PDB file of N, CA and C in Angstrom:
ATOM      1  N   MET A   1     -59.662  84.352  23.274  1.00  0.00           N
ATOM      2  CA  MET A   1     -59.320  83.555  24.298  1.00  0.00           C
ATOM      3  C   MET A   1     -59.808  83.250  25.419  1.00  0.00           C
ATOM      4  N   GLU A   2     -60.256  81.577  25.954  1.00  0.00           N
ATOM      5  CA  GLU A   2     -60.428  81.481  26.898  1.00  0.00           C
ATOM      6  C   GLU A   2     -59.430  81.138  28.075  1.00  0.00           C
ATOM      7  N   VAL A   3     -61.065  82.136  29.411  1.00  0.00           N
ATOM      8  CA  VAL A   3     -60.196  82.331  30.369  1.00  0.00           C
ATOM      9  C   VAL A   3     -60.257  80.522  31.731  1.00  0.00           C
ATOM     10  N   GLN A   4     -58.937  80.261  31.893  1.00  0.00           N
ATOM     11  CA  GLN A   4     -58.971  79.033  32.403  1.00  0.00           C
ATOM     12  C   GLN A   4     -58.767  79.425  33.210  1.00  0.00           C
ATOM     13  N   LEU A   5     -59.610  78.814  34.794  1.00  0.00           N
ATOM     14  CA  LEU A   5     -60.431  78.871  35.854  1.00  0.00           C
ATOM     15  C   LEU A   5     -59.124  77.419  36.844  1.00  0.00           C
ATOM     16  N   GLU A   6     -58.659  76.862  36.169  1.00  0.00           N
ATOM     17  CA  GLU A   6     -57.566  75.360  36.584  1.00  0.00           C
ATOM     18  C   GLU A   6     -56.468  76.069  36.704  1.00  0.00           C
ATOM     19  N   SER A   7     -55.886  75.917  38.311  1.00  0.00           N
ATOM     20  CA  SER A   7     -54.309  76.492  38.280  1.00  0.00           C
ATOM     21  C   SER A   7     -53.391  75.316  39.252  1.00  0.00           C
ATOM     22  N   THR A   8     -52.392  74.961  39.093  1.00  0.00           N
ATOM     23  CA  THR A   8     -51.856  74.684  40.264  1.00  0.00           C
ATOM     24  C   THR A   8     -51.341  75.436  40.874  1.00  0.00           C
ATOM     25  N   ILE A   9     -51.409  74.976  41.955  1.00  0.00           N
ATOM     26  CA  ILE A   9     -50.460  76.223  43.043  1.00  0.00           C
ATOM     27  C   ILE A   9     -49.064  75.221  43.345  1.00  0.00           C
ATOM     28  N   THR A  10     -47.911  75.369  43.704  1.00  0.00           N
ATOM     29  CA  THR A  10     -46.607  75.305  44.492  1.00  0.00           C
ATOM     30  C   THR A  10     -46.436  75.858  45.064  1.00  0.00           C
ATOM     31  N   CYS A  11     -46.089  74.893  45.994  1.00  0.00           N
ATOM     32  CA  CYS A  11     -45.674  75.568  47.952  1.00  0.00           C
ATOM     33  C   CYS A  11     -44.018  76.421  47.380  1.00  0.00           C
ATOM     34  N   PRO A  12     -43.603  77.242  47.250  1.00  0.00           N
ATOM     35  CA  PRO A  12     -42.362  77.054  47.670  1.00  0.00           C
ATOM     36  C   PRO A  12     -41.043  77.009  49.212  1.00  0.00           C
ATOM     37  N   GLU A  13     -42.297  76.611  49.525  1.00  0.00           N
ATOM     38  CA  GLU A  13     -41.583  75.860  50.502  1.00  0.00           C
ATOM     39  C   GLU A  13     -40.999  73.892  50.797  1.00  0.00           C
ATOM     40  N   CYS A  14     -42.365  74.032  50.508  1.00  0.00           N
ATOM     41  CA  CYS A  14     -42.423  72.492  50.471  1.00  0.00           C
ATOM     42  C   CYS A  14     -41.882  71.687  48.906  1.00  0.00           C
ATOM     43  N   GLY A  15     -42.536  72.415  48.301  1.00  0.00           N
ATOM     44  CA  GLY A  15     -42.147  71.404  46.733  1.00  0.00           C
ATOM     45  C   GLY A  15     -44.502  70.836  46.540  1.00  0.00           C
ATOM     46  N   HIS A  16     -44.897  71.514  47.396  1.00  0.00           N
ATOM     47  CA  HIS A  16     -46.379  70.419  47.355  1.00  0.00           C
ATOM     48  C   HIS A  16     -47.207  71.563  45.935  1.00  0.00           C
ATOM     49  N   LYS A  17     -48.058  70.252  45.019  1.00  0.00           N
ATOM     50  CA  LYS A  17     -48.565  70.642  44.513  1.00  0.00           C
ATOM     51  C   LYS A  17     -49.877  70.727  44.270  1.00  0.00           C
ATOM     52  N   ALA A  18     -50.944  71.187  44.452  1.00  0.00           N
ATOM     53  CA  ALA A  18     -52.575  71.419  44.584  1.00  0.00           C
ATOM     54  C   ALA A  18     -53.310  72.425  43.685  1.00  0.00           C
ATOM     55  N   LYS A  19     -54.372  70.964  42.385  1.00  0.00           N
ATOM     56  CA  LYS A  19     -54.887  72.019  41.736  1.00  0.00           C
ATOM     57  C   LYS A  19     -56.603  72.664  42.250  1.00  0.00           C
ATOM     58  N   GLU A  20     -56.239  74.048  41.857  1.00  0.00           N
ATOM     59  CA  GLU A  20     -57.166  74.412  42.665  1.00  0.00           C
ATOM     60  C   GLU A  20     -58.375  74.933  41.164  1.00  0.00           C
ATOM     61  N   VAL A  21     -59.403  75.379  42.073  1.00  0.00           N
ATOM     62  CA  VAL A  21     -60.706  76.019  40.739  1.00  0.00           C
ATOM     63  C   VAL A  21     -60.086  77.778  41.551  1.00  0.00           C
ATOM     64  N   MET A  22     -60.096  78.914  40.409  1.00  0.00           N
ATOM     65  CA  MET A  22     -60.052  80.098  41.134  1.00  0.00           C
ATOM     66  C   MET A  22     -61.290  80.953  40.994  1.00  0.00           C
ATOM     67  N   THR A  23     -61.152  82.151  41.629  1.00  0.00           N
ATOM     68  CA  THR A  23     -62.784  82.624  41.805  1.00  0.00           C
ATOM     69  C   THR A  23     -62.605  83.991  40.993  1.00  0.00           C
ATOM     70  N   THR A  24     -63.443  83.985  39.376  1.00  0.00           N
ATOM     71  CA  THR A  24     -63.809  84.885  38.783  1.00  0.00           C
ATOM     72  C   THR A  24     -64.292  85.880  40.131  1.00  0.00           C
ATOM     73  N   THR A  25     -64.231  86.754  40.949  1.00  0.00           N
ATOM     74  CA  THR A  25     -64.545  87.358  42.010  1.00  0.00           C
ATOM     75  C   THR A  25     -64.388  88.549  42.785  1.00  0.00           C
ATOM     76  N   ALA A  26     -62.954  87.984  43.249  1.00  0.00           N
ATOM     77  CA  ALA A  26     -61.661  88.670  43.717  1.00  0.00           C
ATOM     78  C   ALA A  26     -60.662  87.709  43.864  1.00  0.00           C
ATOM     79  N   CYS A  27     -59.753  88.643  43.893  1.00  0.00           N
ATOM     80  CA  CYS A  27     -58.454  87.779  43.919  1.00  0.00           C
ATOM     81  C   CYS A  27     -58.116  86.817  45.422  1.00  0.00           C
ATOM     82  N   GLN A  28     -57.221  86.168  45.554  1.00  0.00           N
ATOM     83  CA  GLN A  28     -56.572  85.312  45.833  1.00  0.00           C
ATOM     84  C   GLN A  28     -55.537  85.248  47.319  1.00  0.00           C
ATOM     85  N   PHE A  29     -55.849  86.033  48.139  1.00  0.00           N
ATOM     86  CA  PHE A  29     -54.564  87.015  48.177  1.00  0.00           C
ATOM     87  C   PHE A  29     -52.835  86.117  49.528  1.00  0.00           C
ATOM     88  N   PHE A  30     -54.618  84.704  49.827  1.00  0.00           N
ATOM     89  CA  PHE A  30     -53.911  83.492  50.639  1.00  0.00           C
ATOM     90  C   PHE A  30     -53.952  82.729  50.878  1.00  0.00           C
ATOM     91  N   TYR A  31     -53.152  81.765  50.371  1.00  0.00           N
ATOM     92  CA  TYR A  31     -52.822  80.769  50.412  1.00  0.00           C
ATOM     93  C   TYR A  31     -52.409  79.014  51.753  1.00  0.00           C
ATOM     94  N   GLU A  32     -53.226  78.751  51.732  1.00  0.00           N
ATOM     95  CA  GLU A  32     -52.414  77.728  53.087  1.00  0.00           C
ATOM     96  C   GLU A  32     -52.539  76.349  52.445  1.00  0.00           C
ATOM     97  N   CYS A  33     -51.533  76.439  52.355  1.00  0.00           N
ATOM     98  CA  CYS A  33     -50.100  74.844  52.291  1.00  0.00           C
ATOM     99  C   CYS A  33     -50.436  73.748  52.643  1.00  0.00           C
ATOM    100  N   GLU A  34     -51.377  72.758  52.149  1.00  0.00           N
ATOM    101  CA  GLU A  34     -52.346  71.335  52.649  1.00  0.00           C
ATOM    102  C   GLU A  34     -50.679  70.729  53.368  1.00  0.00           C
ATOM    103  N   ASN A  35     -50.038  70.934  52.863  1.00  0.00           N
ATOM    104  CA  ASN A  35     -49.365  69.707  53.186  1.00  0.00           C
ATOM    105  C   ASN A  35     -48.097  70.503  54.039  1.00  0.00           C
ATOM    106  N   CYS A  36     -47.439  71.461  54.602  1.00  0.00           N
ATOM    107  CA  CYS A  36     -46.453  72.301  55.057  1.00  0.00           C
ATOM    108  C   CYS A  36     -47.155  73.501  56.133  1.00  0.00           C
ATOM    109  N   LYS A  37     -48.605  73.694  55.286  1.00  0.00           N
ATOM    110  CA  LYS A  37     -49.513  75.072  56.626  1.00  0.00           C
ATOM    111  C   LYS A  37     -48.712  75.941  55.750  1.00  0.00           C
ATOM    112  N   THR A  38     -47.718  75.634  55.164  1.00  0.00           N
ATOM    113  CA  THR A  38     -46.740  77.156  54.983  1.00  0.00           C
ATOM    114  C   THR A  38     -48.168  78.266  54.416  1.00  0.00           C
ATOM    115  N   LEU A  39     -48.541  80.015  54.760  1.00  0.00           N
ATOM    116  CA  LEU A  39     -49.203  80.714  54.369  1.00  0.00           C
ATOM    117  C   LEU A  39     -49.093  81.427  53.670  1.00  0.00           C
ATOM    118  N   LEU A  40     -49.108  80.871  52.271  1.00  0.00           N
ATOM    119  CA  LEU A  40     -48.730  81.891  51.308  1.00  0.00           C
ATOM    120  C   LEU A  40     -49.022  83.208  50.594  1.00  0.00           C
ATOM    121  N   LYS A  41     -48.469  84.313  50.599  1.00  0.00           N
ATOM    122  CA  LYS A  41     -48.723  85.433  50.524  1.00  0.00           C
ATOM    123  C   LYS A  41     -48.446  86.086  49.066  1.00  0.00           C
ATOM    124  N   PRO A  42     -48.741  86.961  48.275  1.00  0.00           N
ATOM    125  CA  PRO A  42     -48.206  86.729  46.966  1.00  0.00           C
ATOM    126  C   PRO A  42     -47.091  87.600  46.625  1.00  0.00           C
ATOM    127  N   LYS A  43     -46.279  87.365  45.731  1.00  0.00           N
ATOM    128  CA  LYS A  43     -45.215  87.964  45.771  1.00  0.00           C
ATOM    129  C   LYS A  43     -44.592  88.885  45.481  1.00  0.00           C
ATOM    130  N   GLU A  44     -44.297  90.658  45.642  1.00  0.00           N
ATOM    131  CA  GLU A  44     -44.078  91.738  45.528  1.00  0.00           C
ATOM    132  C   GLU A  44     -44.364  91.948  43.635  1.00  0.00           C
ATOM    133  N   GLY A  45     -45.195  92.721  43.788  1.00  0.00           N
ATOM    134  CA  GLY A  45     -45.603  92.686  42.243  1.00  0.00           C
ATOM    135  C   GLY A  45     -46.848  92.183  41.780  1.00  0.00           C
ATOM    136  N   ASN A  46     -47.086  90.843  41.820  1.00  0.00           N
ATOM    137  CA  ASN A  46     -47.950  90.715  42.166  1.00  0.00           C
ATOM    138  C   ASN A  46     -49.620  90.387  42.403  1.00  0.00           C
ATOM    139  N   CYS A  47     -50.679  91.012  41.732  1.00  0.00           N
ATOM    140  CA  CYS A  47     -52.050  90.516  42.629  1.00  0.00           C
ATOM    141  C   CYS A  47     -52.279  89.326  44.187  1.00  0.00           C
ATOM    142  N   CYS A  48     -51.647  88.264  43.076  1.00  0.00           N
ATOM    143  CA  CYS A  48     -52.471  87.550  44.223  1.00  0.00           C
ATOM    144  C   CYS A  48     -51.481  85.683  43.962  1.00  0.00           C
ATOM    145  N   VAL A  49     -52.273  85.094  45.239  1.00  0.00           N
ATOM    146  CA  VAL A  49     -51.102  83.813  44.630  1.00  0.00           C
ATOM    147  C   VAL A  49     -51.061  83.192  42.731  1.00  0.00           C
ATOM    148  N   TYR A  50     -52.055  82.910  42.764  1.00  0.00           N
ATOM    149  CA  TYR A  50     -51.763  82.031  41.942  1.00  0.00           C
ATOM    150  C   TYR A  50     -50.865  83.425  41.047  1.00  0.00           C
ATOM    151  N   CYS A  51     -51.069  84.503  40.262  1.00  0.00           N
ATOM    152  CA  CYS A  51     -49.655  84.495  39.807  1.00  0.00           C
ATOM    153  C   CYS A  51     -48.155  84.648  40.135  1.00  0.00           C
ATOM    154  N   SER A  52     -48.326  84.437  41.217  1.00  0.00           N
ATOM    155  CA  SER A  52     -47.173  84.100  41.901  1.00  0.00           C
ATOM    156  C   SER A  52     -46.509  82.586  42.265  1.00  0.00           C
ATOM    157  N   TYR A  53     -47.902  81.488  42.589  1.00  0.00           N
ATOM    158  CA  TYR A  53     -47.217  80.448  42.510  1.00  0.00           C
ATOM    159  C   TYR A  53     -48.117  79.244  41.766  1.00  0.00           C
ATOM    160  N   GLY A  54     -48.874  80.062  41.209  1.00  0.00           N
ATOM    161  CA  GLY A  54     -49.627  79.076  40.231  1.00  0.00           C
ATOM    162  C   GLY A  54     -48.960  78.558  39.357  1.00  0.00           C
ATOM    163  N   THR A  55     -49.793  77.415  38.004  1.00  0.00           N
ATOM    164  CA  THR A  55     -48.829  77.140  36.172  1.00  0.00           C
ATOM    165  C   THR A  55     -50.617  78.425  35.450  1.00  0.00           C
ATOM    166  N   VAL A  56     -51.342  79.337  35.239  1.00  0.00           N
ATOM    167  CA  VAL A  56     -52.321  79.457  35.586  1.00  0.00           C
ATOM    168  C   VAL A  56     -52.624  80.764  36.051  1.00  0.00           C
ATOM    169  N   ALA A  57     -52.017  82.284  35.614  1.00  0.00           N
ATOM    170  CA  ALA A  57     -52.327  83.523  36.002  1.00  0.00           C
ATOM    171  C   ALA A  57     -54.093  83.642  36.773  1.00  0.00           C
ATOM    172  N   CYS A  58     -54.894  84.787  37.532  1.00  0.00           N
ATOM    173  CA  CYS A  58     -55.197  84.676  37.738  1.00  0.00           C
ATOM    174  C   CYS A  58     -56.579  85.250  36.204  1.00  0.00           C
ATOM    175  N   PRO A  59     -58.617  85.006  36.381  1.00  0.00           N
ATOM    176  CA  PRO A  59     -58.670  85.060  35.846  1.00  0.00           C
ATOM    177  C   PRO A  59     -57.905  87.260  34.783  1.00  0.00           C
ATOM    178  N   PRO A  60     -58.636  88.456  35.193  1.00  0.00           N
ATOM    179  CA  PRO A  60     -58.717  89.526  35.580  1.00  0.00           C
ATOM    180  C   PRO A  60     -57.018  89.325  34.670  1.00  0.00           C
ATOM    181  N   ILE A  61     -56.192  88.935  34.702  1.00  0.00           N
ATOM    182  CA  ILE A  61     -54.499  88.786  34.571  1.00  0.00           C
ATOM    183  C   ILE A  61     -55.213  88.257  33.465  1.00  0.00           C
ATOM    184  N   GLN A  62     -55.432  86.610  32.738  1.00  0.00           N
ATOM    185  CA  GLN A  62     -55.804  86.628  31.923  1.00  0.00           C
ATOM    186  C   GLN A  62     -56.606  87.641  30.915  1.00  0.00           C
ATOM    187  N   GLU A  63     -57.611  88.257  31.226  1.00  0.00           N
ATOM    188  CA  GLU A  63     -58.536  88.390  30.608  1.00  0.00           C
ATOM    189  C   GLU A  63     -57.497  90.271  30.630  1.00  0.00           C
ATOM    190  N   GLY A  64     -56.601  90.836  30.328  1.00  0.00           N
ATOM    191  CA  GLY A  64     -55.805  91.697  30.248  1.00  0.00           C
ATOM    192  C   GLY A  64     -56.213  93.031  30.807  1.00  0.00           C
ATOM    193  N   SER A  65     -57.047  92.299  31.686  1.00  0.00           N
ATOM    194  CA  SER A  65     -57.943  93.806  32.552  1.00  0.00           C
ATOM    195  C   SER A  65     -57.011  94.510  33.263  1.00  0.00           C
ATOM    196  N   GLY A  66     -56.371  93.469  34.619  1.00  0.00           N
ATOM    197  CA  GLY A  66     -55.265  94.079  35.681  1.00  0.00           C
ATOM    198  C   GLY A  66     -55.234  93.127  36.831  1.00  0.00           C
ATOM    199  N   CYS A  67     -55.161  93.461  37.513  1.00  0.00           N
ATOM    200  CA  CYS A  67     -55.068  93.311  38.866  1.00  0.00           C
ATOM    201  C   CYS A  67     -56.867  92.786  39.422  1.00  0.00           C
ATOM    202  N   CYS A  68     -56.957  91.904  40.085  1.00  0.00           N
ATOM    203  CA  CYS A  68     -58.494  91.956  40.520  1.00  0.00           C
ATOM    204  C   CYS A  68     -58.992  93.508  41.547  1.00  0.00           C
TER     205      CYS A  68
END
């Protein structure tokens, strides 16, 4: 299975969606919504904002190697 690097993050506060390219070298713990400026953090039990608010989980999770 090929790792997908694009994920669309949806802000839980305002519903704004943004397509982002994920890094393969580190988890992204914080993400600022470009619309409402809310600072997103991973939900409990998730390793990054992509796993919590994205349409695609982060690359390490996709590969089955666990959190970053």
